[in-house]
Amino acid sequence: MAAQTSARARWFDPRLGIGIALVAASVVGVTIVVSVNDSTAPVFAARSAIAVGDRITASDLVATEANLGSAASRYLADDGLIDDGAVATRSIAAGELVPVAAVGREQSARVAPIVVEVAGRLPSSVQPGAVVDVWAAAPAEGGGFGPPSVLAGGASVIGVVEPSGVVSSSSQAVEILVPNRAVAAVLEAVANADAITVVPSTGRAAG
């Protein structure tokens, strides 16, 4: 009789029960994770880089599936409407999901395009859609230039003009979107032949 009781105790070893419970919990957990990861939603991504102030049309966007969870409402759904007056209120990188907050009305864009000639070569990261700060140094009386200062922060690059026979190889022209509040300062620097430089910015584009 004692032998039967001992055998039954070994059969109902609590460690076996714990092991079964852990395996079951693992299976349930994997099922939940797979289910959550399969919960994708259709949203728009930028087909190519979009600069601040650029007009956005359906041809600029590509539909994609993304698992955004509770953040889905922050992005432009692929059934969302793009009005004729829709413009980018900040730079949007190629392939980036388009935030709803990055799409505004044309009259709300507070930037102006300006072409400036910069001293020296541009950093390789200065490409269309990049955000830069515009620096300038005024000519000094004894030659050279004075200390530089920031004229415009958060300008967005529209395009870069590569050097040619007309443009000096020691400089390049770049078209940028400048916040309206800084337009006068940038134009004054251009008119005074200041040494202008654009530096990649870690901040967001102004708009």
N, C-alpha and C. Protein backbone atom coordinates (compact mmCIF):
# COMPACT_ATOMS: atom_id res chain seq x y z
N MET A 1 0.83 -1.21 0.00
CA MET A 1 0.00 0.00 0.00
C MET A 1 0.86 1.26 0.00
N ALA A 2 1.90 1.22 0.82
CA ALA A 2 2.84 2.34 0.88
C ALA A 2 3.52 2.53 -0.45
N ALA A 3 3.83 1.41 -1.15
CA ALA A 3 4.50 1.50 -2.44
C ALA A 3 3.60 2.18 -3.46
N GLN A 4 2.27 1.90 -3.44
CA GLN A 4 1.34 2.52 -4.37
C GLN A 4 1.24 4.03 -4.13
N THR A 5 1.23 4.41 -2.84
CA THR A 5 1.17 5.85 -2.50
C THR A 5 2.40 6.57 -3.00
N SER A 6 3.58 5.93 -2.84
CA SER A 6 4.84 6.54 -3.29
C SER A 6 4.84 6.70 -4.81
N ALA A 7 4.36 5.69 -5.53
CA ALA A 7 4.33 5.76 -6.99
C ALA A 7 3.40 6.88 -7.46
N ARG A 8 2.24 7.01 -6.77
CA ARG A 8 1.29 8.06 -7.14
C ARG A 8 1.90 9.45 -6.91
N ALA A 9 2.66 9.59 -5.82
CA ALA A 9 3.30 10.88 -5.51
C ALA A 9 4.29 11.26 -6.58
N ARG A 10 5.06 10.25 -7.05
CA ARG A 10 6.02 10.55 -8.10
C ARG A 10 5.30 10.93 -9.40
N TRP A 11 4.16 10.29 -9.66
CA TRP A 11 3.42 10.58 -10.88
C TRP A 11 2.88 12.01 -10.90
N PHE A 12 2.49 12.50 -9.73
CA PHE A 12 1.99 13.87 -9.61
C PHE A 12 3.06 14.82 -9.09
N ASP A 13 4.28 14.63 -9.56
CA ASP A 13 5.40 15.50 -9.17
C ASP A 13 5.05 16.95 -9.55
N PRO A 14 5.03 17.88 -8.59
CA PRO A 14 4.66 19.27 -8.88
C PRO A 14 5.57 19.92 -9.92
N ARG A 15 6.82 19.45 -10.02
CA ARG A 15 7.73 20.04 -11.00
C ARG A 15 7.25 19.77 -12.42
N LEU A 16 6.63 18.61 -12.61
CA LEU A 16 6.06 18.30 -13.92
C LEU A 16 4.91 19.25 -14.24
N GLY A 17 4.09 19.55 -13.24
CA GLY A 17 2.98 20.48 -13.45
C GLY A 17 3.47 21.87 -13.79
N ILE A 18 4.55 22.29 -13.10
CA ILE A 18 5.12 23.62 -13.37
C ILE A 18 5.65 23.67 -14.80
N GLY A 19 6.32 22.60 -15.21
CA GLY A 19 6.86 22.55 -16.57
C GLY A 19 5.78 22.65 -17.62
N ILE A 20 4.69 21.92 -17.40
CA ILE A 20 3.57 21.98 -18.35
C ILE A 20 2.97 23.38 -18.41
N ALA A 21 2.86 24.01 -17.23
CA ALA A 21 2.30 25.37 -17.18
C ALA A 21 3.18 26.35 -17.94
N LEU A 22 4.52 26.22 -17.80
CA LEU A 22 5.44 27.12 -18.49
C LEU A 22 5.35 26.94 -20.00
N VAL A 23 5.26 25.69 -20.44
CA VAL A 23 5.14 25.44 -21.88
C VAL A 23 3.84 26.05 -22.42
N ALA A 24 2.75 25.86 -21.67
CA ALA A 24 1.46 26.41 -22.10
C ALA A 24 1.51 27.94 -22.17
N ALA A 25 2.14 28.55 -21.15
CA ALA A 25 2.25 30.01 -21.13
C ALA A 25 3.08 30.51 -22.30
N SER A 26 4.14 29.76 -22.64
CA SER A 26 4.99 30.14 -23.76
C SER A 26 4.22 30.10 -25.07
N VAL A 27 3.43 29.05 -25.25
CA VAL A 27 2.64 28.92 -26.48
C VAL A 27 1.63 30.06 -26.59
N VAL A 28 0.97 30.38 -25.48
CA VAL A 28 0.00 31.47 -25.48
C VAL A 28 0.68 32.80 -25.78
N GLY A 29 1.87 33.01 -25.18
CA GLY A 29 2.60 34.25 -25.40
C GLY A 29 3.00 34.43 -26.85
N VAL A 30 3.52 33.36 -27.46
CA VAL A 30 3.91 33.42 -28.87
C VAL A 30 2.69 33.71 -29.75
N THR A 31 1.58 33.10 -29.43
CA THR A 31 0.35 33.32 -30.20
C THR A 31 -0.08 34.78 -30.13
N ILE A 32 0.01 35.36 -28.93
CA ILE A 32 -0.37 36.77 -28.76
C ILE A 32 0.57 37.68 -29.54
N VAL A 33 1.89 37.41 -29.47
CA VAL A 33 2.87 38.24 -30.17
C VAL A 33 2.64 38.18 -31.67
N VAL A 34 2.43 36.98 -32.21
CA VAL A 34 2.18 36.83 -33.64
C VAL A 34 0.91 37.56 -34.04
N SER A 35 -0.12 37.47 -33.19
CA SER A 35 -1.38 38.15 -33.49
C SER A 35 -1.20 39.65 -33.53
N VAL A 36 -0.44 40.19 -32.56
CA VAL A 36 -0.20 41.64 -32.51
C VAL A 36 0.61 42.09 -33.71
N ASN A 37 1.66 41.31 -34.06
CA ASN A 37 2.52 41.68 -35.17
C ASN A 37 1.79 41.62 -36.50
N ASP A 38 0.72 40.83 -36.56
CA ASP A 38 -0.05 40.74 -37.79
C ASP A 38 -1.07 41.87 -37.91
N SER A 39 -1.18 42.71 -36.88
CA SER A 39 -2.16 43.79 -36.87
C SER A 39 -1.58 45.00 -37.58
N THR A 40 -1.45 44.93 -38.89
CA THR A 40 -0.90 46.04 -39.66
C THR A 40 -2.03 46.90 -40.21
N ALA A 41 -1.67 48.13 -40.56
CA ALA A 41 -2.65 49.07 -41.10
C ALA A 41 -2.07 49.71 -42.36
N PRO A 42 -2.90 50.01 -43.35
CA PRO A 42 -2.42 50.67 -44.56
C PRO A 42 -2.17 52.16 -44.32
N VAL A 43 -0.97 52.62 -44.63
CA VAL A 43 -0.60 54.03 -44.45
C VAL A 43 0.21 54.48 -45.67
N PHE A 44 0.41 55.80 -45.75
CA PHE A 44 1.20 56.37 -46.84
C PHE A 44 2.64 56.59 -46.40
N ALA A 45 3.58 56.33 -47.34
CA ALA A 45 4.99 56.67 -47.16
C ALA A 45 5.39 57.58 -48.31
N ALA A 46 6.45 58.37 -48.10
CA ALA A 46 6.92 59.27 -49.16
C ALA A 46 7.64 58.47 -50.23
N ARG A 47 7.27 58.67 -51.48
CA ARG A 47 7.91 57.96 -52.59
C ARG A 47 9.36 58.42 -52.76
N SER A 48 9.60 59.70 -52.54
CA SER A 48 10.94 60.29 -52.58
C SER A 48 10.98 61.41 -51.55
N ALA A 49 12.15 62.01 -51.36
CA ALA A 49 12.28 63.07 -50.36
C ALA A 49 11.35 64.24 -50.67
N ILE A 50 10.68 64.74 -49.64
CA ILE A 50 9.78 65.88 -49.77
C ILE A 50 10.30 66.99 -48.87
N ALA A 51 10.55 68.16 -49.45
CA ALA A 51 11.09 69.28 -48.69
C ALA A 51 9.97 70.13 -48.09
N VAL A 52 10.33 70.91 -47.10
CA VAL A 52 9.37 71.83 -46.50
C VAL A 52 8.81 72.77 -47.57
N GLY A 53 7.50 72.91 -47.61
CA GLY A 53 6.88 73.80 -48.58
C GLY A 53 6.52 73.13 -49.89
N ASP A 54 7.03 71.91 -50.13
CA ASP A 54 6.68 71.20 -51.36
C ASP A 54 5.19 70.85 -51.36
N ARG A 55 4.56 70.99 -52.51
CA ARG A 55 3.18 70.56 -52.63
C ARG A 55 3.15 69.03 -52.67
N ILE A 56 2.22 68.43 -51.96
CA ILE A 56 2.10 66.98 -51.90
C ILE A 56 0.89 66.53 -52.70
N THR A 57 1.12 65.61 -53.62
CA THR A 57 0.03 65.02 -54.40
C THR A 57 0.07 63.51 -54.20
N ALA A 58 -0.96 62.84 -54.71
CA ALA A 58 -1.03 61.39 -54.56
C ALA A 58 0.16 60.70 -55.21
N SER A 59 0.72 61.29 -56.27
CA SER A 59 1.85 60.67 -56.96
C SER A 59 3.13 60.71 -56.12
N ASP A 60 3.15 61.55 -55.09
CA ASP A 60 4.33 61.64 -54.21
C ASP A 60 4.31 60.58 -53.13
N LEU A 61 3.23 59.81 -53.05
CA LEU A 61 3.04 58.87 -51.95
C LEU A 61 2.91 57.45 -52.46
N VAL A 62 3.25 56.51 -51.60
CA VAL A 62 3.09 55.09 -51.91
C VAL A 62 2.44 54.41 -50.71
N ALA A 63 1.47 53.56 -50.98
CA ALA A 63 0.77 52.86 -49.90
C ALA A 63 1.62 51.71 -49.39
N THR A 64 1.63 51.52 -48.08
CA THR A 64 2.38 50.44 -47.47
C THR A 64 1.64 49.94 -46.23
N GLU A 65 2.05 48.79 -45.73
CA GLU A 65 1.45 48.24 -44.51
C GLU A 65 2.44 48.43 -43.36
N ALA A 66 1.96 48.87 -42.22
CA ALA A 66 2.83 49.08 -41.06
C ALA A 66 2.09 48.73 -39.78
N ASN A 67 2.82 48.18 -38.84
CA ASN A 67 2.25 47.85 -37.53
C ASN A 67 2.51 49.02 -36.59
N LEU A 68 1.56 49.91 -36.46
CA LEU A 68 1.73 51.14 -35.68
C LEU A 68 1.00 51.11 -34.35
N GLY A 69 0.15 50.13 -34.15
CA GLY A 69 -0.56 50.05 -32.88
C GLY A 69 -1.39 51.29 -32.61
N SER A 70 -1.25 51.81 -31.40
CA SER A 70 -2.04 52.98 -31.00
C SER A 70 -1.58 54.26 -31.69
N ALA A 71 -0.41 54.22 -32.36
CA ALA A 71 0.11 55.42 -33.03
C ALA A 71 -0.41 55.55 -34.46
N ALA A 72 -1.25 54.63 -34.90
CA ALA A 72 -1.72 54.63 -36.29
C ALA A 72 -2.40 55.94 -36.68
N SER A 73 -3.12 56.55 -35.75
CA SER A 73 -3.85 57.78 -36.07
C SER A 73 -2.93 58.97 -36.32
N ARG A 74 -1.65 58.83 -35.98
CA ARG A 74 -0.70 59.93 -36.19
C ARG A 74 -0.16 59.98 -37.61
N TYR A 75 -0.46 58.97 -38.40
CA TYR A 75 0.09 58.88 -39.75
C TYR A 75 -1.02 58.91 -40.79
N LEU A 76 -0.66 59.35 -41.97
CA LEU A 76 -1.62 59.52 -43.04
C LEU A 76 -2.04 58.15 -43.58
N ALA A 77 -3.30 57.80 -43.40
CA ALA A 77 -3.81 56.52 -43.88
C ALA A 77 -3.94 56.55 -45.39
N ASP A 78 -3.82 55.38 -46.01
CA ASP A 78 -3.83 55.36 -47.47
C ASP A 78 -5.20 55.66 -48.07
N ASP A 79 -6.21 55.76 -47.20
CA ASP A 79 -7.51 56.20 -47.70
C ASP A 79 -7.76 57.67 -47.36
N GLY A 80 -6.70 58.32 -46.84
CA GLY A 80 -6.82 59.74 -46.53
C GLY A 80 -6.82 60.57 -47.80
N LEU A 81 -7.41 61.76 -47.74
CA LEU A 81 -7.51 62.61 -48.92
C LEU A 81 -6.39 63.64 -48.92
N ILE A 82 -5.74 63.81 -50.07
CA ILE A 82 -4.71 64.83 -50.25
C ILE A 82 -5.34 65.96 -51.07
N ASP A 83 -5.55 67.10 -50.44
CA ASP A 83 -6.15 68.23 -51.13
C ASP A 83 -5.15 68.87 -52.09
N ASP A 84 -5.69 69.66 -53.03
CA ASP A 84 -4.83 70.35 -53.99
C ASP A 84 -3.86 71.30 -53.30
N GLY A 85 -4.26 71.83 -52.15
CA GLY A 85 -3.40 72.79 -51.46
C GLY A 85 -2.52 72.18 -50.40
N ALA A 86 -2.37 70.85 -50.38
CA ALA A 86 -1.57 70.19 -49.34
C ALA A 86 -0.08 70.42 -49.58
N VAL A 87 0.63 70.81 -48.52
CA VAL A 87 2.07 71.00 -48.60
C VAL A 87 2.73 70.37 -47.38
N ALA A 88 4.03 70.14 -47.51
CA ALA A 88 4.79 69.58 -46.39
C ALA A 88 5.17 70.70 -45.43
N THR A 89 4.88 70.51 -44.16
CA THR A 89 5.25 71.51 -43.15
C THR A 89 6.60 71.20 -42.52
N ARG A 90 7.18 70.05 -42.87
CA ARG A 90 8.55 69.71 -42.48
C ARG A 90 9.10 68.75 -43.51
N SER A 91 10.41 68.54 -43.49
CA SER A 91 11.02 67.61 -44.44
C SER A 91 10.57 66.18 -44.15
N ILE A 92 10.33 65.43 -45.20
CA ILE A 92 9.93 64.02 -45.09
C ILE A 92 10.90 63.22 -45.94
N ALA A 93 11.61 62.30 -45.33
CA ALA A 93 12.61 61.51 -46.04
C ALA A 93 11.95 60.48 -46.95
N ALA A 94 12.67 60.06 -47.98
CA ALA A 94 12.16 59.03 -48.88
C ALA A 94 11.90 57.75 -48.09
N GLY A 95 10.72 57.19 -48.26
CA GLY A 95 10.36 55.96 -47.56
C GLY A 95 9.80 56.17 -46.18
N GLU A 96 9.85 57.40 -45.66
CA GLU A 96 9.34 57.68 -44.32
C GLU A 96 7.81 57.68 -44.32
N LEU A 97 7.22 57.09 -43.29
CA LEU A 97 5.77 57.18 -43.14
C LEU A 97 5.40 58.64 -42.93
N VAL A 98 4.34 59.08 -43.58
CA VAL A 98 3.98 60.50 -43.56
C VAL A 98 3.13 60.83 -42.34
N PRO A 99 3.66 61.63 -41.40
CA PRO A 99 2.86 62.02 -40.23
C PRO A 99 1.75 62.98 -40.65
N VAL A 100 0.60 62.86 -40.03
CA VAL A 100 -0.50 63.78 -40.30
C VAL A 100 -0.06 65.22 -40.02
N ALA A 101 0.77 65.39 -38.97
CA ALA A 101 1.22 66.73 -38.58
C ALA A 101 2.17 67.35 -39.60
N ALA A 102 2.71 66.54 -40.53
CA ALA A 102 3.65 67.06 -41.53
C ALA A 102 2.94 67.55 -42.79
N VAL A 103 1.61 67.45 -42.81
CA VAL A 103 0.84 67.88 -43.98
C VAL A 103 -0.04 69.06 -43.59
N GLY A 104 0.16 70.18 -44.28
CA GLY A 104 -0.62 71.37 -43.98
C GLY A 104 -1.19 71.98 -45.25
N ARG A 105 -1.71 73.18 -45.10
CA ARG A 105 -2.26 73.90 -46.23
C ARG A 105 -1.21 74.82 -46.81
N GLU A 106 -1.33 75.11 -48.10
CA GLU A 106 -0.31 75.90 -48.78
C GLU A 106 -0.09 77.26 -48.12
N GLN A 107 -1.15 77.90 -47.69
CA GLN A 107 -1.00 79.23 -47.11
C GLN A 107 -0.33 79.21 -45.73
N SER A 108 -0.23 77.98 -45.13
CA SER A 108 0.35 77.89 -43.80
C SER A 108 1.86 77.73 -43.82
N ALA A 109 2.44 77.50 -45.01
CA ALA A 109 3.89 77.33 -45.11
C ALA A 109 4.55 78.70 -44.97
N ARG A 110 5.36 78.88 -43.96
CA ARG A 110 5.97 80.18 -43.67
C ARG A 110 7.45 80.17 -44.06
N VAL A 111 7.74 79.77 -45.30
CA VAL A 111 9.11 79.70 -45.78
C VAL A 111 9.18 80.27 -47.18
N ALA A 112 10.41 80.62 -47.61
CA ALA A 112 10.62 81.16 -48.96
C ALA A 112 11.87 80.52 -49.55
N PRO A 113 11.85 80.21 -50.86
CA PRO A 113 13.03 79.61 -51.49
C PRO A 113 14.07 80.66 -51.84
N ILE A 114 15.32 80.38 -51.54
CA ILE A 114 16.43 81.28 -51.86
C ILE A 114 17.61 80.44 -52.36
N VAL A 115 18.29 80.92 -53.39
CA VAL A 115 19.50 80.26 -53.88
C VAL A 115 20.71 81.03 -53.36
N VAL A 116 21.60 80.34 -52.68
CA VAL A 116 22.81 80.99 -52.15
C VAL A 116 24.03 80.24 -52.65
N GLU A 117 25.12 80.98 -52.82
CA GLU A 117 26.40 80.36 -53.17
C GLU A 117 27.20 80.19 -51.89
N VAL A 118 27.59 78.98 -51.61
CA VAL A 118 28.29 78.70 -50.36
C VAL A 118 29.78 78.57 -50.61
N ALA A 119 30.57 78.95 -49.61
CA ALA A 119 32.02 78.86 -49.72
C ALA A 119 32.46 77.42 -49.51
N GLY A 120 33.32 76.92 -50.40
CA GLY A 120 33.84 75.57 -50.24
C GLY A 120 32.84 74.52 -50.69
N ARG A 121 33.22 73.27 -50.46
CA ARG A 121 32.37 72.15 -50.85
C ARG A 121 31.33 71.85 -49.77
N LEU A 122 30.22 71.34 -50.20
CA LEU A 122 29.15 70.99 -49.26
C LEU A 122 29.40 69.61 -48.65
N PRO A 123 28.99 69.42 -47.41
CA PRO A 123 29.04 68.07 -46.83
C PRO A 123 28.18 67.12 -47.65
N SER A 124 28.57 65.85 -47.71
CA SER A 124 27.84 64.88 -48.52
C SER A 124 26.40 64.68 -48.04
N SER A 125 26.15 65.00 -46.77
CA SER A 125 24.80 64.82 -46.22
C SER A 125 23.84 65.92 -46.63
N VAL A 126 24.37 66.98 -47.25
CA VAL A 126 23.51 68.07 -47.70
C VAL A 126 22.90 67.68 -49.04
N GLN A 127 21.74 67.09 -48.98
CA GLN A 127 21.00 66.61 -50.14
C GLN A 127 19.57 67.14 -50.07
N PRO A 128 18.82 67.04 -51.17
CA PRO A 128 17.42 67.49 -51.11
C PRO A 128 16.67 66.85 -49.94
N GLY A 129 15.99 67.69 -49.18
CA GLY A 129 15.26 67.22 -48.00
C GLY A 129 16.03 67.37 -46.71
N ALA A 130 17.34 67.61 -46.79
CA ALA A 130 18.15 67.76 -45.57
C ALA A 130 17.82 69.07 -44.88
N VAL A 131 17.98 69.09 -43.56
CA VAL A 131 17.76 70.30 -42.77
C VAL A 131 19.13 70.88 -42.41
N VAL A 132 19.31 72.17 -42.67
CA VAL A 132 20.61 72.81 -42.45
C VAL A 132 20.44 74.14 -41.72
N ASP A 133 21.53 74.58 -41.12
CA ASP A 133 21.61 75.93 -40.56
C ASP A 133 22.48 76.76 -41.50
N VAL A 134 22.08 78.00 -41.75
CA VAL A 134 22.82 78.89 -42.65
C VAL A 134 23.67 79.84 -41.83
N TRP A 135 24.98 79.78 -42.05
CA TRP A 135 25.93 80.65 -41.36
C TRP A 135 26.50 81.65 -42.36
N ALA A 136 26.92 82.82 -41.86
CA ALA A 136 27.54 83.83 -42.72
C ALA A 136 28.59 84.61 -41.94
N ALA A 137 29.64 85.00 -42.66
CA ALA A 137 30.70 85.83 -42.08
C ALA A 137 30.90 87.04 -43.00
N ALA A 138 30.81 88.24 -42.44
CA ALA A 138 30.94 89.46 -43.24
C ALA A 138 32.40 89.74 -43.56
N PRO A 139 32.69 90.36 -44.72
CA PRO A 139 34.07 90.72 -45.05
C PRO A 139 34.65 91.67 -44.01
N ALA A 140 35.92 91.46 -43.67
CA ALA A 140 36.60 92.32 -42.70
C ALA A 140 37.35 93.42 -43.44
N GLU A 141 37.60 94.56 -42.77
CA GLU A 141 38.25 95.70 -43.42
C GLU A 141 39.67 95.36 -43.87
N GLY A 142 40.39 94.62 -43.07
CA GLY A 142 41.77 94.30 -43.42
C GLY A 142 41.91 93.08 -44.31
N GLY A 143 40.83 92.60 -44.84
CA GLY A 143 40.85 91.38 -45.65
C GLY A 143 40.31 90.20 -44.86
N GLY A 144 39.93 89.19 -45.55
CA GLY A 144 39.37 88.03 -44.88
C GLY A 144 37.93 88.29 -44.44
N PHE A 145 37.53 87.55 -43.45
CA PHE A 145 36.14 87.65 -42.98
C PHE A 145 36.10 87.68 -41.46
N GLY A 146 35.04 88.27 -40.95
CA GLY A 146 34.84 88.33 -39.52
C GLY A 146 34.30 87.02 -38.98
N PRO A 147 33.96 86.99 -37.70
CA PRO A 147 33.42 85.76 -37.10
C PRO A 147 32.06 85.41 -37.69
N PRO A 148 31.80 84.13 -37.91
CA PRO A 148 30.51 83.73 -38.49
C PRO A 148 29.39 83.74 -37.45
N SER A 149 28.19 83.86 -37.93
CA SER A 149 27.00 83.78 -37.07
C SER A 149 25.89 83.10 -37.85
N VAL A 150 24.93 82.57 -37.12
CA VAL A 150 23.81 81.87 -37.75
C VAL A 150 22.79 82.87 -38.28
N LEU A 151 22.49 82.77 -39.57
CA LEU A 151 21.47 83.63 -40.17
C LEU A 151 20.09 82.98 -40.12
N ALA A 152 20.07 81.69 -40.37
CA ALA A 152 18.79 80.98 -40.42
C ALA A 152 18.98 79.55 -39.94
N GLY A 153 18.19 79.16 -38.98
CA GLY A 153 18.24 77.79 -38.49
C GLY A 153 17.07 76.98 -39.03
N GLY A 154 17.29 75.71 -39.28
CA GLY A 154 16.21 74.84 -39.74
C GLY A 154 15.76 75.09 -41.17
N ALA A 155 16.70 75.52 -42.04
CA ALA A 155 16.37 75.67 -43.45
C ALA A 155 16.36 74.29 -44.11
N SER A 156 15.53 74.12 -45.12
CA SER A 156 15.41 72.83 -45.80
C SER A 156 15.99 72.93 -47.20
N VAL A 157 16.80 71.95 -47.57
CA VAL A 157 17.46 71.95 -48.88
C VAL A 157 16.49 71.48 -49.96
N ILE A 158 16.34 72.30 -51.00
CA ILE A 158 15.53 71.91 -52.15
C ILE A 158 16.39 71.18 -53.18
N GLY A 159 17.56 71.73 -53.45
CA GLY A 159 18.45 71.11 -54.43
C GLY A 159 19.83 71.72 -54.39
N VAL A 160 20.79 70.99 -54.94
CA VAL A 160 22.18 71.43 -54.99
C VAL A 160 22.59 71.59 -56.44
N VAL A 161 23.22 72.72 -56.76
CA VAL A 161 23.71 72.99 -58.11
C VAL A 161 25.18 72.60 -58.16
N GLU A 162 25.49 71.57 -58.95
CA GLU A 162 26.86 71.11 -59.04
C GLU A 162 27.72 72.14 -59.78
N PRO A 163 29.02 72.26 -59.43
CA PRO A 163 29.90 73.22 -60.10
C PRO A 163 29.99 72.93 -61.59
N SER A 164 30.08 74.00 -62.38
CA SER A 164 30.24 73.87 -63.83
C SER A 164 31.28 74.87 -64.28
N GLY A 165 31.36 75.11 -65.58
CA GLY A 165 32.34 76.07 -66.07
C GLY A 165 32.04 77.48 -65.62
N VAL A 166 30.78 77.77 -65.31
CA VAL A 166 30.40 79.11 -64.89
C VAL A 166 30.62 79.29 -63.40
N VAL A 167 30.34 78.22 -62.62
CA VAL A 167 30.47 78.29 -61.17
C VAL A 167 31.86 77.85 -60.75
N SER A 168 32.46 78.60 -59.88
CA SER A 168 33.80 78.27 -59.40
C SER A 168 33.80 76.92 -58.70
N SER A 169 34.89 76.14 -58.91
CA SER A 169 34.99 74.83 -58.29
C SER A 169 35.16 74.93 -56.78
N SER A 170 35.48 76.14 -56.29
CA SER A 170 35.67 76.31 -54.85
C SER A 170 34.37 76.66 -54.13
N SER A 171 33.28 76.71 -54.88
CA SER A 171 32.00 77.04 -54.26
C SER A 171 30.89 76.26 -54.96
N GLN A 172 29.74 76.22 -54.32
CA GLN A 172 28.56 75.58 -54.89
C GLN A 172 27.34 76.43 -54.58
N ALA A 173 26.34 76.28 -55.42
CA ALA A 173 25.07 76.96 -55.16
C ALA A 173 24.08 75.94 -54.64
N VAL A 174 23.29 76.36 -53.68
CA VAL A 174 22.29 75.47 -53.10
C VAL A 174 20.98 76.25 -52.94
N GLU A 175 19.89 75.62 -53.30
CA GLU A 175 18.57 76.24 -53.13
C GLU A 175 17.97 75.73 -51.83
N ILE A 176 17.58 76.65 -50.98
CA ILE A 176 17.06 76.29 -49.67
C ILE A 176 15.74 77.00 -49.39
N LEU A 177 14.95 76.40 -48.52
CA LEU A 177 13.73 77.04 -48.03
C LEU A 177 14.05 77.67 -46.69
N VAL A 178 13.97 78.98 -46.64
CA VAL A 178 14.35 79.75 -45.46
C VAL A 178 13.09 80.26 -44.76
N PRO A 179 13.03 80.17 -43.42
CA PRO A 179 11.89 80.75 -42.70
C PRO A 179 11.74 82.23 -43.04
N ASN A 180 10.51 82.68 -43.22
CA ASN A 180 10.27 84.06 -43.63
C ASN A 180 10.96 85.08 -42.74
N ARG A 181 11.06 84.78 -41.44
CA ARG A 181 11.67 85.73 -40.52
C ARG A 181 13.15 85.93 -40.78
N ALA A 182 13.79 84.99 -41.53
CA ALA A 182 15.23 85.08 -41.78
C ALA A 182 15.56 85.46 -43.21
N VAL A 183 14.54 85.65 -44.05
CA VAL A 183 14.78 85.93 -45.47
C VAL A 183 15.59 87.20 -45.66
N ALA A 184 15.22 88.27 -44.96
CA ALA A 184 15.92 89.55 -45.13
C ALA A 184 17.40 89.42 -44.77
N ALA A 185 17.71 88.72 -43.69
CA ALA A 185 19.10 88.57 -43.27
C ALA A 185 19.91 87.78 -44.29
N VAL A 186 19.31 86.73 -44.85
CA VAL A 186 20.02 85.93 -45.84
C VAL A 186 20.25 86.73 -47.12
N LEU A 187 19.23 87.45 -47.58
CA LEU A 187 19.38 88.26 -48.79
C LEU A 187 20.42 89.36 -48.60
N GLU A 188 20.46 89.94 -47.41
CA GLU A 188 21.47 90.97 -47.11
C GLU A 188 22.87 90.37 -47.17
N ALA A 189 23.04 89.17 -46.63
CA ALA A 189 24.34 88.51 -46.67
C ALA A 189 24.77 88.21 -48.10
N VAL A 190 23.82 87.79 -48.93
CA VAL A 190 24.13 87.52 -50.33
C VAL A 190 24.54 88.81 -51.04
N ALA A 191 23.80 89.90 -50.81
CA ALA A 191 24.09 91.18 -51.45
C ALA A 191 25.44 91.74 -51.01
N ASN A 192 25.84 91.49 -49.77
CA ASN A 192 27.11 92.01 -49.24
C ASN A 192 28.29 91.09 -49.51
N ALA A 193 28.06 90.00 -50.26
CA ALA A 193 29.12 89.04 -50.59
C ALA A 193 29.73 88.43 -49.33
N ASP A 194 28.91 88.18 -48.34
CA ASP A 194 29.40 87.48 -47.14
C ASP A 194 29.77 86.05 -47.51
N ALA A 195 30.65 85.46 -46.71
CA ALA A 195 30.99 84.04 -46.89
C ALA A 195 29.88 83.22 -46.23
N ILE A 196 29.12 82.52 -47.04
CA ILE A 196 27.97 81.76 -46.55
C ILE A 196 28.29 80.27 -46.53
N THR A 197 27.90 79.63 -45.46
CA THR A 197 28.11 78.19 -45.30
C THR A 197 26.83 77.57 -44.77
N VAL A 198 26.53 76.37 -45.23
CA VAL A 198 25.39 75.64 -44.67
C VAL A 198 25.92 74.42 -43.93
N VAL A 199 25.39 74.21 -42.74
CA VAL A 199 25.85 73.14 -41.86
C VAL A 199 24.67 72.23 -41.54
N PRO A 200 24.83 70.91 -41.70
CA PRO A 200 23.73 70.00 -41.35
C PRO A 200 23.24 70.25 -39.94
N SER A 201 21.93 70.30 -39.78
CA SER A 201 21.32 70.60 -38.48
C SER A 201 20.76 69.34 -37.85
N THR A 202 20.79 69.30 -36.52
CA THR A 202 20.20 68.18 -35.79
C THR A 202 18.76 68.46 -35.40
N GLY A 203 18.31 69.67 -35.68
CA GLY A 203 16.95 70.05 -35.33
C GLY A 203 15.98 69.78 -36.46
N ARG A 204 14.72 70.17 -36.25
CA ARG A 204 13.68 70.00 -37.25
C ARG A 204 13.64 71.21 -38.17
N ALA A 205 13.11 71.01 -39.37
CA ALA A 205 12.96 72.10 -40.31
C ALA A 205 11.97 73.12 -39.77
N ALA A 206 12.27 74.39 -40.02
CA ALA A 206 11.35 75.45 -39.62
C ALA A 206 10.23 75.54 -40.64
N GLY A 207 9.10 76.00 -40.18
CA GLY A 207 7.99 76.13 -41.11
C GLY A 207 6.81 76.81 -40.46
